[in-house]
Amino acid sequence: MAEILALVEARLRTALGEPDARAAVTFLGTDRIEVLRFIDGDVVRYATLGMSAQPMSDPTAVVADPLKGPRAELVLSVRGGSADTDQVLRKLAVLAASPQVEGLVVAPGASLDVGEPLWPGAPFTSVLVAESGGLVEDLELDAPLEPVRFLPLLPMTRNEAAWKRVRGAQELQEKWLSQGTDLRDPLRHSVDLD
């Protein structure tokens, strides 16, 4: 586990630079989850560290396989300066712990909801999990371990989350793209869903 997390942190540092802050959260019955903050110009990136220590397993499995199963870390990018986005640290740790706590398998296209604003004044309580491989490349591990995927999180307003449940992640992403939505704006309004 420690060896995997050292490799994950090295991959994050290679892709995003040196973190300027980090926070750790431990939930009862789970491994420690850290959230690292990286500053890149006016963009602040938050990345979890610890979610990939154990593979995510099918919640219906009688016994979880300690080696096989998908592994992931979460990455959130927002524009700094217009909101107190650092308040998202604990919520990101909660999302990263959800595979251990709730038996979730976090994958692209999934919605994750924290039930309250991601940070003070945020119009978002949930995120859409996007495809890995863009900002931070997947980290290959020795077989039989699956690679660690660095999954971007895209904040969704309540209306967008409801629309996504009906129409799907792909259509929501197409709406954002067609309307030139700045998904890094920490205070943006819901996209026009008509």
Protein backbone atom coordinates (compact mmCIF):
# COMPACT_ATOMS: atom_id res chain seq x y z
CA MET A 1 0.00 0.00 0.00
CA ALA A 2 2.69 2.53 0.99
CA GLU A 3 4.66 1.67 -2.15
CA ILE A 4 1.63 2.29 -4.37
CA LEU A 5 0.91 5.63 -2.70
CA ALA A 6 4.54 6.71 -3.12
CA LEU A 7 4.26 5.98 -6.86
CA VAL A 8 0.92 7.82 -7.03
CA GLU A 9 2.35 10.89 -5.31
CA ALA A 10 5.37 10.84 -7.64
CA ARG A 11 3.03 10.74 -10.66
CA LEU A 12 1.01 13.68 -9.28
CA ARG A 13 4.19 15.70 -8.68
CA THR A 14 5.45 14.94 -12.20
CA ALA A 15 2.17 16.06 -13.76
CA LEU A 16 1.18 18.95 -11.47
CA GLY A 17 4.38 20.14 -9.77
CA GLU A 18 5.03 20.44 -6.06
CA PRO A 19 1.96 20.62 -3.82
CA ASP A 20 1.79 23.83 -1.82
CA ALA A 21 -0.51 22.34 0.83
CA ARG A 22 -1.89 19.00 1.99
CA ALA A 23 -4.48 17.85 4.48
CA ALA A 24 -5.25 14.41 5.84
CA VAL A 25 -8.55 12.92 6.95
CA THR A 26 -9.18 9.54 8.54
CA PHE A 27 -12.66 8.11 8.82
CA LEU A 28 -13.51 5.32 11.24
CA GLY A 29 -12.71 1.98 9.63
CA THR A 30 -10.91 3.44 6.60
CA ASP A 31 -7.37 4.17 5.53
CA ARG A 32 -6.05 7.72 5.72
CA ILE A 33 -6.95 9.94 2.77
CA GLU A 34 -4.85 12.97 1.94
CA VAL A 35 -5.78 15.85 -0.35
CA LEU A 36 -2.94 17.72 -2.02
CA ARG A 37 -3.32 21.25 -3.42
CA PHE A 38 -1.40 22.39 -6.48
CA ILE A 39 -1.36 25.97 -7.82
CA ASP A 40 -0.93 26.45 -11.58
CA GLY A 41 -1.31 30.13 -12.41
CA ASP A 42 -4.92 31.02 -11.60
CA VAL A 43 -5.99 27.36 -11.46
CA VAL A 44 -6.06 25.44 -8.19
CA ARG A 45 -5.98 21.66 -8.43
CA TYR A 46 -6.90 19.31 -5.61
CA ALA A 47 -5.87 15.66 -5.84
CA THR A 48 -6.66 12.84 -3.45
CA LEU A 49 -3.95 10.47 -2.24
CA GLY A 50 -4.98 7.24 -0.55
CA MET A 51 -8.04 6.11 -2.48
CA SER A 52 -5.87 3.89 -4.70
CA ALA A 53 -4.23 2.06 -1.80
CA GLN A 54 -6.93 -0.62 -2.02
CA PRO A 55 -8.72 -1.78 -5.17
CA MET A 56 -12.40 -0.93 -5.47
CA SER A 57 -14.49 -4.06 -5.37
CA ASP A 58 -17.98 -5.10 -6.36
CA PRO A 59 -20.19 -4.44 -3.33
CA THR A 60 -22.07 -7.69 -4.02
CA ALA A 61 -18.90 -9.83 -3.81
CA VAL A 62 -18.78 -12.09 -0.77
CA VAL A 63 -15.05 -11.49 -0.30
CA ALA A 64 -13.15 -8.49 -1.67
CA ASP A 65 -10.06 -9.39 -3.70
CA PRO A 66 -7.08 -7.63 -2.07
CA LEU A 67 -5.25 -7.30 -5.41
CA LYS A 68 -7.69 -7.17 -8.33
CA GLY A 69 -10.06 -4.34 -9.03
CA PRO A 70 -9.92 -0.78 -10.33
CA ARG A 71 -7.86 1.83 -8.50
CA ALA A 72 -8.32 5.56 -8.75
CA GLU A 73 -7.58 8.98 -7.32
CA LEU A 74 -9.73 12.08 -7.80
CA VAL A 75 -8.62 15.43 -9.27
CA LEU A 76 -10.63 18.67 -9.09
CA SER A 77 -9.55 21.84 -10.93
CA VAL A 78 -11.06 25.28 -10.20
CA ARG A 79 -10.13 28.90 -10.77
CA GLY A 80 -8.71 30.44 -7.62
CA GLY A 81 -9.53 33.76 -6.06
CA SER A 82 -13.32 34.10 -6.35
CA ALA A 83 -14.40 31.50 -3.76
CA ASP A 84 -13.01 29.74 -0.70
CA THR A 85 -12.50 26.48 -2.59
CA ASP A 86 -10.10 25.11 0.05
CA GLN A 87 -13.23 24.13 1.99
CA VAL A 88 -13.61 21.28 -0.53
CA LEU A 89 -10.75 19.30 1.07
CA ARG A 90 -12.87 17.31 3.52
CA LYS A 91 -15.58 16.69 0.93
CA LEU A 92 -13.00 15.31 -1.52
CA ALA A 93 -11.70 13.03 1.21
CA VAL A 94 -15.27 11.80 1.83
CA LEU A 95 -15.67 11.02 -1.88
CA ALA A 96 -12.29 9.27 -1.97
CA ALA A 97 -13.26 7.15 1.05
CA SER A 98 -16.62 6.13 -0.46
CA PRO A 99 -15.28 2.91 -2.05
CA GLN A 100 -14.13 1.73 1.40
CA VAL A 101 -17.12 3.04 3.33
CA GLU A 102 -19.98 2.37 0.92
CA GLY A 103 -18.51 -0.21 -1.44
CA LEU A 104 -18.80 2.11 -4.43
CA VAL A 105 -16.82 1.57 -7.60
CA VAL A 106 -16.06 5.09 -8.84
CA ALA A 107 -15.88 5.16 -12.63
CA PRO A 108 -16.24 7.68 -15.47
CA GLY A 109 -19.84 8.77 -15.96
CA ALA A 110 -20.74 8.35 -12.29
CA SER A 111 -22.25 11.10 -10.17
CA LEU A 112 -20.99 11.63 -6.63
CA ASP A 113 -23.02 13.83 -4.26
CA VAL A 114 -21.90 15.21 -0.91
CA GLY A 115 -25.35 16.62 -0.02
CA GLU A 116 -24.09 20.14 0.67
CA PRO A 117 -22.20 22.84 -1.25
CA LEU A 118 -18.69 21.78 -2.20
CA TRP A 119 -17.41 25.08 -0.72
CA PRO A 120 -19.14 28.16 0.77
CA GLY A 121 -21.40 29.78 -1.81
CA ALA A 122 -20.91 26.98 -4.35
CA PRO A 123 -23.94 26.15 -6.53
CA PHE A 124 -22.64 22.55 -6.66
CA THR A 125 -23.31 19.63 -4.31
CA SER A 126 -22.22 16.92 -6.71
CA VAL A 127 -19.62 16.12 -9.33
CA LEU A 128 -19.51 14.17 -12.56
CA VAL A 129 -16.60 11.74 -12.81
CA ALA A 130 -14.83 12.26 -16.16
CA GLU A 131 -12.47 10.02 -18.15
CA SER A 132 -8.88 9.64 -16.97
CA GLY A 133 -5.74 10.06 -19.05
CA GLY A 134 -5.80 13.80 -19.72
CA LEU A 135 -4.15 15.95 -17.07
CA VAL A 136 -2.49 13.09 -15.17
CA GLU A 137 -1.64 9.90 -17.07
CA ASP A 138 -2.75 6.56 -15.68
CA LEU A 139 -0.14 4.87 -13.50
CA GLU A 140 0.61 1.29 -14.58
CA LEU A 141 1.29 -1.15 -11.73
CA ASP A 142 2.81 -4.63 -11.80
CA ALA A 143 0.34 -7.42 -12.69
CA PRO A 144 -2.10 -8.51 -11.39
CA LEU A 145 -2.72 -4.95 -10.10
CA GLU A 146 -4.82 -2.70 -12.32
CA PRO A 147 -3.51 0.78 -13.16
CA VAL A 148 -4.29 3.78 -11.00
CA ARG A 149 -6.57 6.14 -12.89
CA PHE A 150 -6.64 9.86 -12.06
CA LEU A 151 -10.30 10.77 -12.53
CA PRO A 152 -11.20 14.44 -13.09
CA LEU A 153 -14.24 15.71 -11.19
CA LEU A 154 -16.57 18.20 -12.90
CA PRO A 155 -18.83 20.11 -10.49
CA MET A 156 -22.56 19.92 -11.33
CA THR A 157 -25.40 22.17 -10.22
CA ARG A 158 -28.56 20.47 -8.89
CA ASN A 159 -30.32 21.03 -12.23
CA GLU A 160 -27.40 19.58 -14.18
CA ALA A 161 -27.23 16.55 -11.87
CA ALA A 162 -30.97 15.91 -12.30
CA TRP A 163 -30.69 16.32 -16.09
CA LYS A 164 -27.70 13.95 -16.15
CA ARG A 165 -29.70 11.27 -14.30
CA VAL A 166 -32.30 11.38 -17.08
CA ARG A 167 -30.17 12.04 -20.18
CA GLY A 168 -26.76 10.63 -19.23
CA ALA A 169 -23.24 11.93 -18.69
CA GLN A 170 -22.37 12.14 -22.39
CA GLU A 171 -25.28 14.47 -23.21
CA LEU A 172 -24.48 16.72 -20.25
CA GLN A 173 -20.86 16.98 -21.35
CA GLU A 174 -22.03 17.82 -24.88
CA LYS A 175 -24.26 20.59 -23.46
CA TRP A 176 -21.32 22.04 -21.54
CA LEU A 177 -19.12 21.89 -24.63
CA SER A 178 -21.69 23.38 -27.02
CA GLN A 179 -22.29 26.33 -24.69
CA GLY A 180 -18.61 26.97 -23.94
CA THR A 181 -19.10 26.35 -20.21
CA ASP A 182 -16.13 27.20 -18.00
CA LEU A 183 -16.20 24.14 -15.76
CA ARG A 184 -13.40 25.62 -13.62
CA ASP A 185 -15.51 28.62 -12.58
CA PRO A 186 -16.24 27.96 -8.88
CA LEU A 187 -19.38 30.14 -8.96
CA ARG A 188 -20.76 29.43 -12.44
CA HIS A 189 -24.47 29.09 -13.07
CA SER A 190 -26.24 26.04 -14.45
CA VAL A 191 -25.92 25.54 -18.19
CA ASP A 192 -29.09 26.10 -20.26
CA LEU A 193 -30.71 22.67 -20.39
CA ASP A 194 -33.62 23.42 -22.78
